[in-house]
Structures are given as C-alpha cells and as structure tokens.
N, C-alpha and C. Protein backbone atom coordinates (compact mmCIF):
# COMPACT_ATOMS: atom_id res chain seq x y z
N MET A 1 -28.57 -13.19 48.65
CA MET A 1 -28.23 -14.57 48.83
C MET A 1 -29.50 -15.41 48.95
N ALA A 2 -29.46 -16.54 48.36
CA ALA A 2 -30.62 -17.42 48.45
C ALA A 2 -30.48 -18.32 49.65
N GLU A 3 -31.57 -18.46 50.40
CA GLU A 3 -31.54 -19.33 51.57
C GLU A 3 -31.98 -20.72 51.16
N GLU A 4 -31.36 -21.69 51.81
CA GLU A 4 -31.75 -23.06 51.53
C GLU A 4 -33.09 -23.35 52.20
N ILE A 5 -33.93 -23.99 51.47
CA ILE A 5 -35.23 -24.35 52.02
C ILE A 5 -35.13 -25.82 52.43
N THR A 6 -35.36 -26.07 53.68
CA THR A 6 -35.30 -27.44 54.18
C THR A 6 -36.70 -27.88 54.56
N PRO A 7 -36.95 -29.14 54.47
CA PRO A 7 -38.30 -29.62 54.82
C PRO A 7 -38.57 -29.50 56.32
N GLN A 8 -39.76 -29.09 56.68
CA GLN A 8 -40.29 -28.98 58.03
C GLN A 8 -39.44 -28.11 58.93
N GLY A 9 -38.81 -27.09 58.35
CA GLY A 9 -38.11 -26.09 59.13
C GLY A 9 -36.87 -26.59 59.84
N ALA A 10 -36.30 -27.70 59.38
CA ALA A 10 -35.08 -28.22 59.99
C ALA A 10 -33.92 -27.30 59.62
N PRO A 11 -32.94 -27.19 60.49
CA PRO A 11 -31.80 -26.34 60.17
C PRO A 11 -31.03 -26.90 58.97
N PRO A 12 -30.35 -26.05 58.21
CA PRO A 12 -29.62 -26.54 57.04
C PRO A 12 -28.54 -27.54 57.46
N ALA A 13 -28.34 -28.52 56.59
CA ALA A 13 -27.36 -29.57 56.89
C ALA A 13 -25.95 -28.99 56.82
N ALA A 14 -25.13 -29.43 57.73
CA ALA A 14 -23.74 -28.96 57.77
C ALA A 14 -22.96 -29.64 56.64
N PRO A 15 -21.98 -28.94 56.08
CA PRO A 15 -21.18 -29.58 55.02
C PRO A 15 -20.42 -30.78 55.59
N PRO A 16 -20.15 -31.77 54.74
CA PRO A 16 -19.45 -32.97 55.24
C PRO A 16 -18.06 -32.58 55.74
N PRO A 17 -17.60 -33.25 56.77
CA PRO A 17 -16.29 -32.90 57.31
C PRO A 17 -15.18 -33.22 56.30
N ALA A 18 -14.15 -32.40 56.31
CA ALA A 18 -13.02 -32.60 55.40
C ALA A 18 -12.26 -33.85 55.82
N PRO A 19 -11.71 -34.58 54.88
CA PRO A 19 -10.95 -35.78 55.25
C PRO A 19 -9.73 -35.36 56.07
N PRO A 20 -9.32 -36.21 56.98
CA PRO A 20 -8.17 -35.83 57.83
C PRO A 20 -6.93 -35.63 56.96
N ALA A 21 -6.18 -34.62 57.33
CA ALA A 21 -4.96 -34.30 56.58
C ALA A 21 -3.94 -35.42 56.79
N THR A 22 -3.43 -35.91 55.69
CA THR A 22 -2.41 -36.96 55.78
C THR A 22 -1.05 -36.30 55.81
N PRO A 23 -0.16 -36.83 56.62
CA PRO A 23 1.18 -36.23 56.64
C PRO A 23 1.85 -36.46 55.29
N PRO A 24 2.73 -35.55 54.89
CA PRO A 24 3.40 -35.73 53.60
C PRO A 24 4.19 -37.04 53.60
N ALA A 25 4.15 -37.68 52.47
CA ALA A 25 4.83 -38.97 52.35
C ALA A 25 6.32 -38.77 52.55
N ALA A 26 6.88 -39.65 53.33
CA ALA A 26 8.32 -39.58 53.55
C ALA A 26 9.03 -39.89 52.25
N ALA A 27 10.15 -39.25 52.07
CA ALA A 27 10.92 -39.47 50.84
C ALA A 27 11.31 -40.94 50.77
N ALA A 28 10.99 -41.55 49.66
CA ALA A 28 11.31 -42.96 49.49
C ALA A 28 12.81 -43.12 49.39
N PRO A 29 13.35 -44.14 50.02
CA PRO A 29 14.80 -44.33 49.92
C PRO A 29 15.18 -44.62 48.48
N PRO A 30 16.33 -44.13 48.04
CA PRO A 30 16.73 -44.38 46.66
C PRO A 30 16.93 -45.87 46.41
N ALA A 31 16.64 -46.27 45.20
CA ALA A 31 16.80 -47.67 44.84
C ALA A 31 18.27 -48.05 44.91
N PRO A 32 18.57 -49.21 45.41
CA PRO A 32 19.98 -49.60 45.50
C PRO A 32 20.59 -49.74 44.12
N ALA A 33 21.75 -49.18 43.96
CA ALA A 33 22.44 -49.22 42.66
C ALA A 33 23.26 -50.50 42.59
N THR A 34 22.63 -51.53 42.06
CA THR A 34 23.34 -52.81 41.96
C THR A 34 24.25 -52.83 40.75
N ALA A 35 23.82 -52.16 39.68
CA ALA A 35 24.64 -52.10 38.47
C ALA A 35 24.87 -50.65 38.09
N GLU A 36 26.05 -50.35 37.65
CA GLU A 36 26.35 -48.99 37.23
C GLU A 36 25.56 -48.68 35.96
N ALA A 37 25.18 -47.43 35.81
CA ALA A 37 24.46 -47.02 34.61
C ALA A 37 25.45 -47.00 33.44
N VAL A 38 25.25 -47.92 32.52
CA VAL A 38 26.15 -48.04 31.38
C VAL A 38 25.54 -47.27 30.21
N PRO A 39 26.28 -46.33 29.61
CA PRO A 39 25.72 -45.61 28.47
C PRO A 39 25.51 -46.56 27.30
N PRO A 40 24.48 -46.30 26.50
CA PRO A 40 24.24 -47.20 25.36
C PRO A 40 25.42 -47.17 24.39
N GLU A 41 25.67 -48.29 23.78
CA GLU A 41 26.78 -48.43 22.84
C GLU A 41 26.52 -47.57 21.61
N GLN A 42 27.51 -46.76 21.22
CA GLN A 42 27.35 -45.92 20.04
C GLN A 42 27.63 -46.74 18.80
N LYS A 43 26.81 -46.51 17.80
CA LYS A 43 26.98 -47.21 16.55
C LYS A 43 28.09 -46.55 15.76
N ILE A 44 28.98 -47.35 15.16
CA ILE A 44 30.10 -46.83 14.38
C ILE A 44 29.96 -47.33 12.95
N LYS A 45 30.00 -46.40 12.01
CA LYS A 45 29.88 -46.74 10.60
C LYS A 45 31.06 -46.13 9.84
N VAL A 46 31.26 -46.59 8.61
CA VAL A 46 32.31 -46.03 7.75
C VAL A 46 31.65 -44.98 6.87
N ARG A 47 32.25 -43.82 6.83
CA ARG A 47 31.71 -42.71 6.05
C ARG A 47 31.95 -42.96 4.56
N LYS A 48 30.92 -42.77 3.77
CA LYS A 48 31.02 -42.94 2.33
C LYS A 48 31.71 -41.72 1.72
N PRO A 49 32.25 -41.85 0.51
CA PRO A 49 32.89 -40.68 -0.12
C PRO A 49 31.91 -39.52 -0.26
N ARG A 50 32.34 -38.37 0.19
CA ARG A 50 31.58 -37.10 0.15
C ARG A 50 30.26 -37.14 0.92
N GLN A 51 30.14 -38.02 1.88
CA GLN A 51 28.92 -38.11 2.68
C GLN A 51 28.90 -36.97 3.69
N ARG A 52 27.78 -36.24 3.74
CA ARG A 52 27.65 -35.10 4.64
C ARG A 52 26.50 -35.23 5.61
N SER A 53 25.60 -36.18 5.38
CA SER A 53 24.47 -36.35 6.28
C SER A 53 24.35 -37.82 6.70
N CYS A 54 23.73 -38.02 7.84
CA CYS A 54 23.60 -39.36 8.42
C CYS A 54 22.62 -40.19 7.60
N ASP A 55 22.96 -41.46 7.40
CA ASP A 55 22.07 -42.35 6.65
C ASP A 55 21.50 -43.45 7.55
N GLU A 56 21.47 -43.20 8.84
CA GLU A 56 20.95 -44.17 9.81
C GLU A 56 19.42 -44.11 9.82
N LYS A 57 18.78 -45.27 9.95
CA LYS A 57 17.32 -45.33 10.02
C LYS A 57 16.90 -45.74 11.42
N ASP A 58 15.78 -45.18 11.89
CA ASP A 58 15.28 -45.52 13.21
C ASP A 58 14.43 -46.78 13.15
N ALA A 59 13.75 -47.10 14.24
CA ALA A 59 12.96 -48.33 14.31
C ALA A 59 11.81 -48.34 13.31
N LYS A 60 11.29 -47.16 12.98
CA LYS A 60 10.18 -47.08 12.03
C LYS A 60 10.65 -47.03 10.59
N GLY A 61 11.96 -46.95 10.37
CA GLY A 61 12.50 -46.89 9.02
C GLY A 61 12.67 -45.48 8.49
N LYS A 62 12.50 -44.48 9.37
CA LYS A 62 12.65 -43.09 8.96
C LYS A 62 14.13 -42.71 8.96
N LEU A 63 14.56 -42.02 7.92
CA LEU A 63 15.96 -41.62 7.77
C LEU A 63 16.28 -40.47 8.72
N CYS A 64 17.41 -40.54 9.40
CA CYS A 64 17.82 -39.51 10.35
C CYS A 64 18.18 -38.22 9.61
N ALA A 65 19.09 -38.30 8.65
CA ALA A 65 19.53 -37.17 7.82
C ALA A 65 20.12 -36.01 8.62
N GLY A 66 20.72 -36.30 9.77
CA GLY A 66 21.38 -35.26 10.55
C GLY A 66 22.73 -34.92 9.94
N HIS A 67 23.18 -33.69 10.16
CA HIS A 67 24.45 -33.24 9.61
C HIS A 67 25.61 -33.92 10.33
N LEU A 68 26.59 -34.40 9.58
CA LEU A 68 27.78 -35.00 10.19
C LEU A 68 28.76 -33.90 10.52
N LYS A 69 29.07 -33.80 11.79
CA LYS A 69 29.99 -32.76 12.25
C LYS A 69 31.28 -33.40 12.72
N ARG A 70 32.39 -32.74 12.44
CA ARG A 70 33.70 -33.24 12.85
C ARG A 70 33.77 -33.22 14.36
N TRP A 71 34.24 -34.31 14.93
CA TRP A 71 34.32 -34.44 16.38
C TRP A 71 35.79 -34.47 16.75
N TYR A 72 36.26 -33.39 17.34
CA TYR A 72 37.68 -33.26 17.65
C TYR A 72 38.05 -33.82 19.02
N ASP A 73 37.29 -33.50 20.03
CA ASP A 73 37.65 -33.91 21.40
C ASP A 73 36.79 -35.07 21.87
N TYR A 74 37.00 -36.23 21.26
CA TYR A 74 36.25 -37.42 21.62
C TYR A 74 36.93 -38.12 22.79
N PRO A 75 36.17 -38.92 23.56
CA PRO A 75 36.74 -39.60 24.73
C PRO A 75 37.75 -40.69 24.34
N LYS A 76 38.50 -41.12 25.32
CA LYS A 76 39.55 -42.13 25.09
C LYS A 76 38.96 -43.48 24.68
N GLU A 77 37.75 -43.78 25.16
CA GLU A 77 37.12 -45.06 24.80
C GLU A 77 36.85 -45.11 23.30
N VAL A 78 36.44 -43.98 22.73
CA VAL A 78 36.17 -43.92 21.29
C VAL A 78 37.48 -44.02 20.53
N ALA A 79 38.52 -43.37 21.01
CA ALA A 79 39.83 -43.43 20.35
C ALA A 79 40.37 -44.86 20.36
N ALA A 80 40.09 -45.60 21.42
CA ALA A 80 40.55 -46.98 21.50
C ALA A 80 39.81 -47.87 20.50
N ARG A 81 38.54 -47.56 20.25
CA ARG A 81 37.75 -48.38 19.33
C ARG A 81 37.98 -48.02 17.86
N ILE A 82 38.17 -46.73 17.56
CA ILE A 82 38.31 -46.30 16.17
C ILE A 82 39.76 -46.17 15.75
N GLY A 83 40.57 -45.63 16.62
CA GLY A 83 41.98 -45.43 16.31
C GLY A 83 42.40 -44.04 16.75
N LYS A 84 43.66 -43.92 17.08
CA LYS A 84 44.17 -42.65 17.56
C LYS A 84 44.32 -41.67 16.40
N ASP A 85 44.00 -40.40 16.66
CA ASP A 85 44.10 -39.31 15.69
C ASP A 85 43.30 -39.58 14.42
N ALA A 86 42.16 -40.24 14.56
CA ALA A 86 41.30 -40.51 13.40
C ALA A 86 40.39 -39.31 13.17
N GLU A 87 39.98 -39.14 11.96
CA GLU A 87 39.07 -38.06 11.58
C GLU A 87 37.65 -38.57 11.80
N ILE A 88 37.10 -38.32 12.98
CA ILE A 88 35.81 -38.86 13.36
C ILE A 88 34.72 -37.82 13.16
N TYR A 89 33.61 -38.26 12.59
CA TYR A 89 32.44 -37.41 12.43
C TYR A 89 31.31 -38.01 13.25
N ARG A 90 30.42 -37.14 13.74
CA ARG A 90 29.30 -37.60 14.56
C ARG A 90 28.02 -36.91 14.11
N CYS A 91 26.95 -37.67 14.04
CA CYS A 91 25.65 -37.13 13.64
C CYS A 91 25.14 -36.21 14.74
N GLU A 92 24.57 -35.08 14.35
CA GLU A 92 24.11 -34.11 15.35
C GLU A 92 22.83 -34.57 16.06
N PHE A 93 22.07 -35.50 15.48
CA PHE A 93 20.82 -35.93 16.09
C PHE A 93 20.96 -37.28 16.81
N CYS A 94 21.34 -38.31 16.07
CA CYS A 94 21.35 -39.66 16.66
C CYS A 94 22.70 -40.04 17.26
N LYS A 95 23.71 -39.20 17.10
CA LYS A 95 25.05 -39.39 17.69
C LYS A 95 25.77 -40.63 17.17
N THR A 96 25.43 -41.08 15.96
CA THR A 96 26.15 -42.19 15.34
C THR A 96 27.53 -41.69 14.93
N LEU A 97 28.55 -42.51 15.16
CA LEU A 97 29.91 -42.13 14.81
C LEU A 97 30.26 -42.65 13.42
N TYR A 98 31.03 -41.87 12.70
CA TYR A 98 31.47 -42.26 11.36
C TYR A 98 32.99 -42.22 11.30
N LYS A 99 33.57 -43.38 10.95
CA LYS A 99 35.01 -43.48 10.76
C LYS A 99 35.35 -42.94 9.38
N PRO A 100 36.60 -42.55 9.17
CA PRO A 100 36.97 -42.08 7.83
C PRO A 100 36.98 -43.22 6.82
N ASP A 101 36.71 -42.87 5.58
CA ASP A 101 36.75 -43.85 4.50
C ASP A 101 38.21 -44.11 4.18
N PRO A 102 38.67 -45.37 4.21
CA PRO A 102 40.08 -45.65 3.95
C PRO A 102 40.51 -45.29 2.52
N LYS A 103 39.58 -45.23 1.59
CA LYS A 103 39.92 -44.91 0.20
C LYS A 103 40.03 -43.41 -0.05
N GLN A 104 39.47 -42.61 0.86
CA GLN A 104 39.42 -41.17 0.66
C GLN A 104 40.58 -40.48 1.39
N MET A 105 41.10 -39.42 0.79
CA MET A 105 42.19 -38.67 1.39
C MET A 105 41.66 -37.90 2.61
N PRO A 106 42.37 -37.90 3.72
CA PRO A 106 41.86 -37.21 4.91
C PRO A 106 41.82 -35.70 4.71
N HIS A 107 40.91 -35.05 5.40
CA HIS A 107 40.78 -33.59 5.30
C HIS A 107 41.74 -32.87 6.25
N SER A 108 42.31 -33.59 7.18
CA SER A 108 43.21 -32.96 8.13
C SER A 108 44.59 -32.74 7.52
N PHE A 109 45.13 -31.59 7.77
CA PHE A 109 46.49 -31.22 7.39
C PHE A 109 46.75 -31.34 5.86
N THR A 110 45.72 -31.06 5.08
CA THR A 110 45.93 -31.06 3.64
C THR A 110 45.62 -29.67 3.10
N LEU A 111 46.37 -29.28 2.10
CA LEU A 111 46.14 -28.00 1.47
C LEU A 111 45.41 -28.25 0.15
N ARG A 112 44.38 -27.48 -0.06
CA ARG A 112 43.61 -27.63 -1.29
C ARG A 112 43.56 -26.28 -1.97
N TYR A 113 44.05 -26.25 -3.21
CA TYR A 113 44.07 -24.99 -3.96
C TYR A 113 43.13 -25.05 -5.10
C-alpha cells in the first residue's frame, strides 16, 4: 500500500463527512381525479371491397397496413354507433374500426361453393 505523503509531517486529512441521510420521501398523495379518464375516440371507416389491410395514415403520413381482423365480441358502445349484429373489423395495430361495405355481401351466414 502506498502511504500518503503530507507536507511537514502532518497527519493525513480525514475524508469529508458523508451528507446526512435524508428520510425517504413520503408517498405523494394521488392527484385528485376531477375528470374520469375517457378513452380516446375510435376512428370508424367503411371497409372497401376486398380490403384486408388498414389504410389509415399516422401523423407522419406513414401507412399502418395492419391486418383487419373480424371483431366478434365488441362492446355495447360500439354496437350503438355502428349497428347491432354488424360485421365489424378492427385493425390489429391502430385499432381503427371498419364497418361493412353496404354494396358487398356479408361474410356471415353465407355458404360459398
């Protein structure tokens, strides 16, 4: 071990004292909930004939291109906005809803040979 050399034989300086320990911060009280957290409004579009991927663009103009999946058990609020027993599709990424095309035959309860 190397010894510290101090001028004129003075004893080595003591390390500076550690700062006093601060007690842990008390948990801050939760912010008052003045307004209920409202989920963002879902965008609803009409599905084009044979459309299988989302055509929604983000703020930068980039195409989402997520797969449209059939949504069977949607909430009552969506049923009230789109219609009861509608064939609803939802994008797997941006969650945009797609209503059925009124000109296209529904895929539900149809036989195709």
